[in-house]
Amino acid sequence: MSTVSVYVVCQESYQEFPPLCDDLIERECVDVTAECTVHKHQLCDGQLDCSNGGDESDKSCSLLTLNTCKRRFGSLPAISFPLTWVSDGVVDCEGEEDESADRPTCGEGSNRRY
């Protein structure tokens, strides 16, 4: 997704643009604050994208995986990703590490842990 312009993804009226990717990954936007909307892959990446730093202090940043991956949006090297992305049905990592069926787990249902 690195060829998709950051001037389109998650910018004002982004939902009015025609789809860019088959799986609509470009529409995975998070309203961090009323003034700042970022792509979910800009959360917890060590780079301030919101003027108040909200993208780095979002609640999803409190629990990161020990594993790393190259996120599909952006140009950063492999970095940790939020546990909330694990097996959520959205492929966030280029190698699909976040959706891997062989990830060790314990528990079931709402008690399932990765």
N, C-alpha and C. Protein backbone atom coordinates (compact mmCIF):
# COMPACT_ATOMS: atom_id res chain seq x y z
N MET A 1 0.81 -1.19 0.00
CA MET A 1 0.00 0.00 0.00
C MET A 1 0.86 1.26 0.00
N SER A 2 2.14 1.13 -0.08
CA SER A 2 3.02 2.28 0.00
C SER A 2 2.86 3.25 -1.17
N THR A 3 2.21 2.84 -2.25
CA THR A 3 2.04 3.73 -3.38
C THR A 3 0.77 4.59 -3.27
N VAL A 4 -0.04 4.36 -2.24
CA VAL A 4 -1.25 5.14 -2.02
C VAL A 4 -0.88 6.43 -1.31
N SER A 5 -1.34 7.54 -1.80
CA SER A 5 -0.97 8.83 -1.27
C SER A 5 -1.52 9.06 0.13
N VAL A 6 -0.66 9.56 1.02
CA VAL A 6 -1.11 9.92 2.36
C VAL A 6 -2.05 11.12 2.32
N TYR A 7 -2.12 11.77 1.17
CA TYR A 7 -3.02 12.92 1.04
C TYR A 7 -4.46 12.48 0.76
N VAL A 8 -4.66 11.18 0.57
CA VAL A 8 -6.00 10.64 0.34
C VAL A 8 -6.46 9.82 1.53
N VAL A 9 -5.59 8.97 2.05
CA VAL A 9 -5.96 8.04 3.11
C VAL A 9 -6.29 8.80 4.40
N CYS A 10 -7.50 8.58 4.89
CA CYS A 10 -7.99 9.10 6.16
C CYS A 10 -8.05 10.63 6.22
N GLN A 11 -8.01 11.28 5.09
CA GLN A 11 -8.17 12.73 5.08
C GLN A 11 -9.65 13.08 5.04
N GLU A 12 -9.97 14.34 5.21
CA GLU A 12 -11.36 14.79 5.22
C GLU A 12 -12.10 14.23 4.01
N SER A 13 -13.27 13.71 4.22
CA SER A 13 -14.13 13.14 3.18
C SER A 13 -13.54 11.90 2.52
N TYR A 14 -12.64 11.19 3.21
CA TYR A 14 -12.01 10.01 2.61
C TYR A 14 -13.02 8.95 2.20
N GLN A 15 -14.15 8.89 2.88
CA GLN A 15 -15.14 7.86 2.56
C GLN A 15 -15.86 8.13 1.25
N GLU A 16 -15.74 9.35 0.74
CA GLU A 16 -16.38 9.70 -0.53
C GLU A 16 -15.55 9.26 -1.74
N PHE A 17 -14.26 8.96 -1.53
CA PHE A 17 -13.39 8.52 -2.62
C PHE A 17 -13.73 7.08 -2.99
N PRO A 18 -13.53 6.70 -4.25
CA PRO A 18 -13.75 5.30 -4.62
C PRO A 18 -12.73 4.41 -3.90
N PRO A 19 -13.07 3.14 -3.67
CA PRO A 19 -12.13 2.24 -3.00
C PRO A 19 -10.81 2.15 -3.76
N LEU A 20 -9.71 2.06 -2.99
CA LEU A 20 -8.38 1.94 -3.59
C LEU A 20 -7.85 0.51 -3.54
N CYS A 21 -8.19 -0.21 -2.49
CA CYS A 21 -7.71 -1.58 -2.30
C CYS A 21 -8.90 -2.52 -2.21
N ASP A 22 -8.72 -3.74 -2.68
CA ASP A 22 -9.81 -4.72 -2.68
C ASP A 22 -10.36 -4.96 -1.28
N ASP A 23 -9.49 -4.97 -0.27
CA ASP A 23 -9.95 -5.26 1.08
C ASP A 23 -10.25 -3.99 1.89
N LEU A 24 -10.20 -2.84 1.24
CA LEU A 24 -10.52 -1.53 1.85
C LEU A 24 -9.62 -1.18 3.03
N ILE A 25 -8.39 -1.68 3.05
CA ILE A 25 -7.47 -1.38 4.14
C ILE A 25 -7.23 0.12 4.26
N GLU A 26 -7.35 0.84 3.17
CA GLU A 26 -7.12 2.29 3.21
C GLU A 26 -8.20 3.03 4.01
N ARG A 27 -9.29 2.35 4.33
CA ARG A 27 -10.37 2.98 5.09
C ARG A 27 -10.37 2.59 6.56
N GLU A 28 -9.30 1.98 7.02
CA GLU A 28 -9.16 1.61 8.43
C GLU A 28 -8.65 2.83 9.20
N CYS A 29 -9.53 3.81 9.39
CA CYS A 29 -9.17 5.07 10.01
C CYS A 29 -9.68 5.12 11.45
N VAL A 30 -8.95 5.84 12.29
CA VAL A 30 -9.29 5.96 13.69
C VAL A 30 -9.41 7.44 14.03
N ASP A 31 -10.55 7.81 14.61
CA ASP A 31 -10.72 9.18 15.10
C ASP A 31 -10.07 9.25 16.48
N VAL A 32 -8.84 9.71 16.53
CA VAL A 32 -8.10 9.79 17.78
C VAL A 32 -8.68 10.90 18.65
N THR A 33 -8.90 12.04 18.03
CA THR A 33 -9.58 13.16 18.68
C THR A 33 -10.51 13.78 17.64
N ALA A 34 -11.28 14.78 18.05
CA ALA A 34 -12.16 15.45 17.10
C ALA A 34 -11.37 16.14 15.99
N GLU A 35 -10.12 16.48 16.28
CA GLU A 35 -9.29 17.19 15.31
C GLU A 35 -8.31 16.28 14.57
N CYS A 36 -8.22 15.02 14.95
CA CYS A 36 -7.18 14.17 14.36
C CYS A 36 -7.70 12.78 14.03
N THR A 37 -7.69 12.46 12.75
CA THR A 37 -8.03 11.13 12.26
C THR A 37 -6.80 10.59 11.54
N VAL A 38 -6.40 9.37 11.91
CA VAL A 38 -5.23 8.75 11.29
C VAL A 38 -5.57 7.34 10.84
N HIS A 39 -4.76 6.80 9.95
CA HIS A 39 -4.89 5.40 9.57
C HIS A 39 -4.47 4.56 10.78
N LYS A 40 -5.12 3.43 10.99
CA LYS A 40 -4.82 2.61 12.17
C LYS A 40 -3.35 2.21 12.22
N HIS A 41 -2.66 2.13 11.09
CA HIS A 41 -1.26 1.75 11.08
C HIS A 41 -0.35 2.90 11.52
N GLN A 42 -0.92 4.09 11.73
CA GLN A 42 -0.16 5.21 12.27
C GLN A 42 -0.23 5.24 13.79
N LEU A 43 -1.05 4.37 14.38
CA LEU A 43 -1.12 4.27 15.84
C LEU A 43 0.09 3.51 16.36
N CYS A 44 0.61 3.94 17.49
CA CYS A 44 1.65 3.18 18.21
C CYS A 44 2.88 2.91 17.36
N ASP A 45 3.26 3.84 16.50
CA ASP A 45 4.42 3.61 15.63
C ASP A 45 5.63 4.46 16.00
N GLY A 46 5.52 5.21 17.10
CA GLY A 46 6.64 6.03 17.55
C GLY A 46 6.75 7.37 16.84
N GLN A 47 5.84 7.67 15.93
CA GLN A 47 5.85 8.94 15.21
C GLN A 47 4.57 9.71 15.55
N LEU A 48 4.72 10.96 15.97
CA LEU A 48 3.56 11.77 16.31
C LEU A 48 2.86 12.24 15.04
N ASP A 49 1.64 11.80 14.87
CA ASP A 49 0.83 12.22 13.72
C ASP A 49 -0.26 13.19 14.15
N CYS A 50 -0.63 13.17 15.42
CA CYS A 50 -1.61 14.11 15.97
C CYS A 50 -0.83 15.14 16.80
N SER A 51 -1.24 16.39 16.72
CA SER A 51 -0.49 17.45 17.41
C SER A 51 -0.43 17.22 18.92
N ASN A 52 -1.42 16.53 19.49
CA ASN A 52 -1.41 16.29 20.93
C ASN A 52 -0.78 14.93 21.28
N GLY A 53 -0.28 14.20 20.29
CA GLY A 53 0.35 12.90 20.53
C GLY A 53 -0.63 11.78 20.81
N GLY A 54 -1.90 12.03 20.56
CA GLY A 54 -2.93 11.04 20.85
C GLY A 54 -2.77 9.73 20.12
N ASP A 55 -2.15 9.77 18.95
CA ASP A 55 -1.95 8.53 18.19
C ASP A 55 -0.93 7.61 18.85
N GLU A 56 -0.10 8.15 19.73
CA GLU A 56 0.89 7.35 20.45
C GLU A 56 0.45 7.01 21.87
N SER A 57 -0.62 7.65 22.35
CA SER A 57 -1.13 7.35 23.69
C SER A 57 -2.52 6.72 23.63
N ASP A 58 -2.95 6.31 22.43
CA ASP A 58 -4.24 5.65 22.26
C ASP A 58 -4.28 4.41 23.15
N LYS A 59 -5.47 4.04 23.62
CA LYS A 59 -5.58 2.88 24.52
C LYS A 59 -5.02 1.61 23.90
N SER A 60 -5.06 1.47 22.58
CA SER A 60 -4.52 0.26 21.94
C SER A 60 -3.00 0.18 22.05
N CYS A 61 -2.34 1.30 22.35
CA CYS A 61 -0.88 1.31 22.46
C CYS A 61 -0.39 0.77 23.80
N SER A 62 -1.29 0.54 24.73
CA SER A 62 -0.86 0.09 26.05
C SER A 62 -0.44 -1.38 26.06
N LEU A 63 -0.94 -2.18 25.10
CA LEU A 63 -0.57 -3.58 25.01
C LEU A 63 -0.11 -3.90 23.59
N LEU A 64 1.20 -4.01 23.41
CA LEU A 64 1.77 -4.32 22.10
C LEU A 64 2.32 -5.74 22.11
N THR A 65 2.35 -6.37 20.95
CA THR A 65 2.91 -7.71 20.83
C THR A 65 4.43 -7.64 20.99
N LEU A 66 5.00 -8.76 21.34
CA LEU A 66 6.46 -8.86 21.34
C LEU A 66 6.96 -9.10 19.93
N ASN A 67 6.10 -9.64 19.09
CA ASN A 67 6.44 -9.87 17.68
C ASN A 67 6.41 -8.54 16.93
N THR A 68 7.11 -8.50 15.83
CA THR A 68 7.10 -7.31 14.98
C THR A 68 6.64 -7.70 13.57
N CYS A 69 6.21 -6.70 12.83
CA CYS A 69 5.86 -6.92 11.43
C CYS A 69 5.94 -5.60 10.69
N LYS A 70 6.03 -5.70 9.39
CA LYS A 70 5.96 -4.53 8.50
C LYS A 70 4.49 -4.25 8.25
N ARG A 71 4.04 -3.11 8.70
CA ARG A 71 2.63 -2.75 8.51
C ARG A 71 2.36 -2.45 7.04
N ARG A 72 1.15 -2.74 6.60
CA ARG A 72 0.80 -2.59 5.18
C ARG A 72 0.73 -1.13 4.76
N PHE A 73 0.47 -0.22 5.67
CA PHE A 73 0.41 1.20 5.33
C PHE A 73 1.58 1.90 6.01
N GLY A 74 2.30 2.68 5.26
CA GLY A 74 3.44 3.41 5.80
C GLY A 74 4.75 2.82 5.32
N SER A 75 5.83 3.46 5.71
CA SER A 75 7.14 3.04 5.22
C SER A 75 8.10 2.68 6.35
N LEU A 76 7.57 2.45 7.54
CA LEU A 76 8.43 2.11 8.66
C LEU A 76 8.91 0.67 8.57
N PRO A 77 10.04 0.37 9.20
CA PRO A 77 10.49 -1.03 9.24
C PRO A 77 9.56 -1.83 10.16
N ALA A 78 9.85 -3.10 10.33
CA ALA A 78 9.04 -3.95 11.19
C ALA A 78 9.04 -3.42 12.62
N ILE A 79 7.84 -3.25 13.18
CA ILE A 79 7.69 -2.78 14.55
C ILE A 79 6.58 -3.58 15.22
N SER A 80 6.48 -3.47 16.55
CA SER A 80 5.42 -4.15 17.30
C SER A 80 4.07 -3.62 16.86
N PHE A 81 3.02 -4.39 17.14
CA PHE A 81 1.68 -3.94 16.79
C PHE A 81 0.74 -4.24 17.96
N PRO A 82 -0.36 -3.50 18.06
CA PRO A 82 -1.29 -3.69 19.18
C PRO A 82 -1.91 -5.08 19.20
N LEU A 83 -2.08 -5.62 20.39
CA LEU A 83 -2.71 -6.93 20.54
C LEU A 83 -4.13 -6.94 19.98
N THR A 84 -4.78 -5.80 19.96
CA THR A 84 -6.16 -5.74 19.44
C THR A 84 -6.21 -6.06 17.96
N TRP A 85 -5.08 -6.04 17.26
CA TRP A 85 -5.05 -6.36 15.84
C TRP A 85 -4.95 -7.86 15.59
N VAL A 86 -4.60 -8.63 16.61
CA VAL A 86 -4.39 -10.07 16.45
C VAL A 86 -5.73 -10.76 16.19
N SER A 87 -5.80 -11.47 15.08
CA SER A 87 -6.99 -12.24 14.69
C SER A 87 -8.27 -11.42 14.72
N ASP A 88 -8.17 -10.17 14.24
CA ASP A 88 -9.37 -9.31 14.19
C ASP A 88 -10.04 -9.33 12.82
N GLY A 89 -9.52 -10.15 11.89
CA GLY A 89 -10.11 -10.25 10.56
C GLY A 89 -9.58 -9.25 9.56
N VAL A 90 -8.68 -8.35 9.98
CA VAL A 90 -8.07 -7.36 9.09
C VAL A 90 -6.58 -7.67 9.00
N VAL A 91 -6.09 -7.89 7.80
CA VAL A 91 -4.66 -8.17 7.61
C VAL A 91 -3.91 -6.85 7.70
N ASP A 92 -3.20 -6.67 8.81
CA ASP A 92 -2.45 -5.43 9.04
C ASP A 92 -0.97 -5.56 8.68
N CYS A 93 -0.44 -6.77 8.76
CA CYS A 93 0.98 -7.01 8.49
C CYS A 93 1.15 -7.53 7.07
N GLU A 94 2.22 -7.10 6.41
CA GLU A 94 2.48 -7.56 5.05
C GLU A 94 2.58 -9.08 4.97
N GLY A 95 3.12 -9.71 6.00
CA GLY A 95 3.26 -11.16 6.01
C GLY A 95 2.10 -11.86 6.72
N GLU A 96 1.07 -11.14 7.04
CA GLU A 96 -0.14 -11.65 7.70
C GLU A 96 0.14 -12.25 9.09
N GLU A 97 1.22 -11.80 9.73
CA GLU A 97 1.56 -12.32 11.06
C GLU A 97 0.45 -12.06 12.08
N ASP A 98 -0.28 -10.99 11.91
CA ASP A 98 -1.33 -10.64 12.88
C ASP A 98 -2.56 -11.54 12.76
N GLU A 99 -2.69 -12.26 11.65
CA GLU A 99 -3.85 -13.14 11.44
C GLU A 99 -3.44 -14.60 11.39
N SER A 100 -2.22 -14.91 11.75
CA SER A 100 -1.70 -16.27 11.66
C SER A 100 -2.47 -17.23 12.56
N ALA A 101 -2.90 -18.34 11.99
CA ALA A 101 -3.66 -19.34 12.74
C ALA A 101 -2.77 -20.13 13.69
N ASP A 102 -1.45 -20.10 13.48
CA ASP A 102 -0.58 -20.89 14.35
C ASP A 102 -0.04 -20.09 15.53
N ARG A 103 -0.62 -18.94 15.79
CA ARG A 103 -0.22 -18.13 16.94
C ARG A 103 -0.62 -18.87 18.22
N PRO A 104 0.28 -18.99 19.20
CA PRO A 104 -0.08 -19.69 20.43
C PRO A 104 -1.20 -18.97 21.18
N THR A 105 -2.15 -19.73 21.68
CA THR A 105 -3.28 -19.16 22.42
C THR A 105 -3.59 -20.00 23.65
N CYS A 106 -4.38 -19.44 24.52
CA CYS A 106 -4.94 -20.20 25.63
C CYS A 106 -6.31 -19.61 25.92
N GLY A 107 -7.17 -20.39 26.53
CA GLY A 107 -8.53 -19.94 26.83
C GLY A 107 -9.43 -20.00 25.62
N GLU A 108 -10.70 -19.67 25.84
CA GLU A 108 -11.68 -19.70 24.76
C GLU A 108 -12.60 -18.49 24.88
N GLY A 109 -13.26 -18.15 23.76
CA GLY A 109 -14.24 -17.05 23.75
C GLY A 109 -13.62 -15.75 24.22
N SER A 110 -14.32 -15.05 25.10
CA SER A 110 -13.81 -13.75 25.59
C SER A 110 -12.59 -13.90 26.47
N ASN A 111 -12.27 -15.11 26.91
CA ASN A 111 -11.08 -15.37 27.75
C ASN A 111 -9.89 -15.80 26.92
N ARG A 112 -10.02 -15.83 25.60
CA ARG A 112 -8.92 -16.27 24.74
C ARG A 112 -7.79 -15.25 24.79
N ARG A 113 -6.57 -15.73 24.92
CA ARG A 113 -5.39 -14.88 25.00
C ARG A 113 -4.36 -15.32 23.98
N TYR A 114 -3.59 -14.35 23.47
CA TYR A 114 -2.56 -14.61 22.46
C TYR A 114 -1.20 -14.37 23.03
